[in-house]
Amino acid sequence: MLLAAIWASAATSASTQGEGEERVLQGEAIFGQTCAVCHTIGRGVLVGPDLEGVTGRRQESWLKVQIQSPSVHRAQNDPIAKANLEKFGIPMPDLGLTSQQVEAVIAYLGTARTASVAIPAQYAPTLAIGVLAIVGITLIGLIVGTKRVEVRP
């Protein structure tokens, strides 16, 4: 009996997790098609603000309205929407997304990771070999490549 309850709970959890991953993938696709023209995640400002960590800075209810119909925030003189308009100079358009699409985008924004700006570890040996090659070639050129010039009166 206990084993059956554990099995059912695990199956429900796995299907919910699969649905969550599917929703994040759907949100990523929607972001790429509609949002990435103006926004980045951790890559800096384009036309609109960088959205890195936006789900931690803003309430989900605010994000839903801002993504689905930002004109509502402008009509309400929302201070955040007003500050963004002043800073970026272009109002965010109403994109015509459904509630499910907006929720998928928010799910994606909550899980999106920024790419590392540092040099990946796999490139370090290649970089070191390149630097050593340049130094070696320079030293060989300085030692072997000296040119003797005769000066005639």
Protein backbone atom coordinates (compact mmCIF):
# COMPACT_ATOMS: atom_id res chain seq x y z
CA MET A 1 0.00 0.00 0.00
CA LEU A 2 2.76 2.43 0.99
CA LEU A 3 4.78 1.39 -2.04
CA ALA A 4 1.82 2.14 -4.34
CA ALA A 5 1.42 5.62 -2.81
CA ILE A 6 5.12 6.36 -3.27
CA TRP A 7 4.99 5.10 -6.86
CA ALA A 8 1.95 7.28 -7.67
CA SER A 9 3.58 10.32 -6.07
CA ALA A 10 6.80 9.80 -8.04
CA ALA A 11 4.88 9.37 -11.30
CA THR A 12 2.88 12.56 -10.69
CA SER A 13 6.05 14.46 -9.80
CA ALA A 14 7.84 13.22 -12.92
CA SER A 15 4.94 14.18 -15.20
CA THR A 16 4.69 17.61 -13.57
CA GLN A 17 8.43 18.11 -13.99
CA GLY A 18 8.18 17.06 -17.65
CA GLU A 19 5.34 19.53 -18.20
CA GLY A 20 7.39 22.25 -16.49
CA GLU A 21 10.37 21.57 -18.74
CA GLU A 22 8.12 21.63 -21.79
CA ARG A 23 6.68 24.97 -20.67
CA VAL A 24 10.18 26.41 -20.20
CA LEU A 25 11.17 25.24 -23.69
CA GLN A 26 8.00 26.79 -25.10
CA GLY A 27 8.83 30.02 -23.25
CA GLU A 28 12.35 29.99 -24.65
CA ALA A 29 10.99 29.65 -28.18
CA ILE A 30 8.49 32.47 -27.66
CA PHE A 31 11.20 34.67 -26.13
CA GLY A 32 13.45 34.02 -29.12
CA GLN A 33 10.70 34.87 -31.61
CA THR A 34 9.11 37.90 -29.95
CA CYS A 35 11.25 39.28 -27.12
CA ALA A 36 14.88 38.77 -28.16
CA VAL A 37 14.63 41.54 -30.74
CA CYS A 38 14.57 44.10 -27.92
CA HIS A 39 15.72 42.23 -24.79
CA THR A 40 18.62 40.07 -23.68
CA ILE A 41 19.18 37.93 -20.63
CA GLY A 42 22.50 38.89 -19.11
CA ARG A 43 23.96 40.36 -22.30
CA GLY A 44 23.18 44.01 -21.64
CA VAL A 45 20.69 46.50 -22.96
CA LEU A 46 19.43 46.33 -26.54
CA VAL A 47 16.32 48.38 -27.25
CA GLY A 48 14.76 47.49 -23.90
CA PRO A 49 16.17 46.47 -20.53
CA ASP A 50 18.27 43.38 -19.86
CA LEU A 51 15.92 40.81 -18.29
CA GLU A 52 18.48 38.94 -16.19
CA GLY A 53 16.94 38.26 -12.78
CA VAL A 54 13.68 40.03 -13.63
CA THR A 55 11.59 37.31 -11.97
CA GLY A 56 13.39 38.06 -8.72
CA ARG A 57 12.93 41.83 -9.02
CA ARG A 58 9.29 41.92 -10.14
CA GLN A 59 6.14 40.18 -8.97
CA GLU A 60 4.70 37.58 -11.31
CA SER A 61 1.39 39.44 -11.56
CA TRP A 62 3.24 42.60 -12.69
CA LEU A 63 5.25 40.60 -15.23
CA LYS A 64 2.10 39.00 -16.66
CA VAL A 65 0.52 42.39 -17.33
CA GLN A 66 3.78 43.91 -18.62
CA ILE A 67 4.39 41.06 -21.07
CA GLN A 68 0.81 40.56 -22.25
CA SER A 69 -0.41 44.15 -22.46
CA PRO A 70 2.08 46.79 -21.32
CA SER A 71 -0.30 49.53 -22.48
CA VAL A 72 -2.32 48.78 -19.32
CA HIS A 73 0.68 49.76 -17.18
CA ARG A 74 1.18 52.93 -19.21
CA ALA A 75 -2.51 53.82 -18.81
CA GLN A 76 -2.20 53.28 -15.05
CA ASN A 77 0.99 55.40 -14.91
CA ASP A 78 2.84 52.47 -13.38
CA PRO A 79 6.10 53.92 -11.97
CA ILE A 80 8.28 51.08 -13.30
CA ALA A 81 6.79 51.22 -16.80
CA LYS A 82 7.08 55.02 -16.74
CA ALA A 83 10.75 54.86 -15.67
CA ASN A 84 11.50 52.31 -18.42
CA LEU A 85 9.83 54.53 -21.01
CA GLU A 86 11.89 57.52 -19.88
CA LYS A 87 15.10 55.51 -19.83
CA PHE A 88 14.72 53.64 -23.13
CA GLY A 89 12.50 56.07 -25.04
CA ILE A 90 10.39 53.40 -26.74
CA PRO A 91 7.22 51.93 -25.23
CA MET A 92 6.93 48.18 -25.16
CA PRO A 93 4.26 47.12 -27.66
CA ASP A 94 1.33 44.84 -26.90
CA LEU A 95 2.54 41.53 -28.34
CA GLY A 96 -0.79 39.70 -28.51
CA LEU A 97 0.42 36.71 -26.50
CA THR A 98 -2.03 34.39 -24.77
CA SER A 99 -2.00 33.89 -21.01
CA GLN A 100 -0.38 30.46 -21.47
CA GLN A 101 2.34 31.94 -23.67
CA VAL A 102 3.02 34.67 -21.12
CA GLU A 103 3.27 32.10 -18.33
CA ALA A 104 5.71 30.07 -20.45
CA VAL A 105 7.88 33.14 -21.04
CA ILE A 106 7.90 33.90 -17.31
CA ALA A 107 8.83 30.27 -16.58
CA TYR A 108 11.71 30.59 -19.05
CA LEU A 109 12.84 33.91 -17.57
CA GLY A 110 12.87 32.28 -14.14
CA THR A 111 15.20 29.51 -15.30
CA ALA A 112 17.30 31.33 -17.91
CA ARG A 113 20.98 31.37 -17.17
CA THR A 114 23.40 33.87 -18.56
CA ALA A 115 26.35 32.68 -20.56
CA SER A 116 29.70 33.04 -18.91
CA VAL A 117 31.75 36.00 -20.02
CA ALA A 118 35.00 34.41 -18.87
CA ILE A 119 37.15 32.26 -21.14
CA PRO A 120 35.92 28.67 -20.90
CA ALA A 121 38.34 26.22 -19.32
CA GLN A 122 38.59 24.19 -22.54
CA TYR A 123 40.18 27.18 -24.32
CA ALA A 124 42.88 27.81 -21.70
CA PRO A 125 45.34 25.20 -23.09
CA THR A 126 44.85 26.50 -26.63
CA LEU A 127 45.43 30.05 -25.46
CA ALA A 128 48.57 29.04 -23.53
CA ILE A 129 49.98 27.17 -26.55
CA GLY A 130 49.28 30.18 -28.77
CA VAL A 131 51.08 32.56 -26.41
CA LEU A 132 54.07 30.19 -26.12
CA ALA A 133 54.23 29.84 -29.92
CA ILE A 134 54.29 33.60 -30.39
CA VAL A 135 57.00 34.04 -27.76
CA GLY A 136 59.04 31.17 -29.24
CA ILE A 137 58.81 32.46 -32.81
CA THR A 138 59.75 35.95 -31.64
CA LEU A 139 62.82 34.65 -29.78
CA ILE A 140 63.93 32.54 -32.75
CA GLY A 141 63.50 35.54 -35.02
CA LEU A 142 65.58 37.74 -32.74
CA ILE A 143 68.41 35.21 -32.41
CA VAL A 144 68.60 33.83 -35.96
CA GLY A 145 67.21 36.71 -37.90
CA THR A 146 69.83 39.32 -37.18
CA LYS A 147 70.86 41.03 -40.35
CA ARG A 148 74.32 42.40 -40.95
CA VAL A 149 74.37 45.57 -42.92
CA GLU A 150 77.49 46.97 -44.55
CA VAL A 151 77.78 50.67 -44.63
CA ARG A 152 79.79 51.99 -47.61
CA PRO A 153 81.40 55.37 -47.52
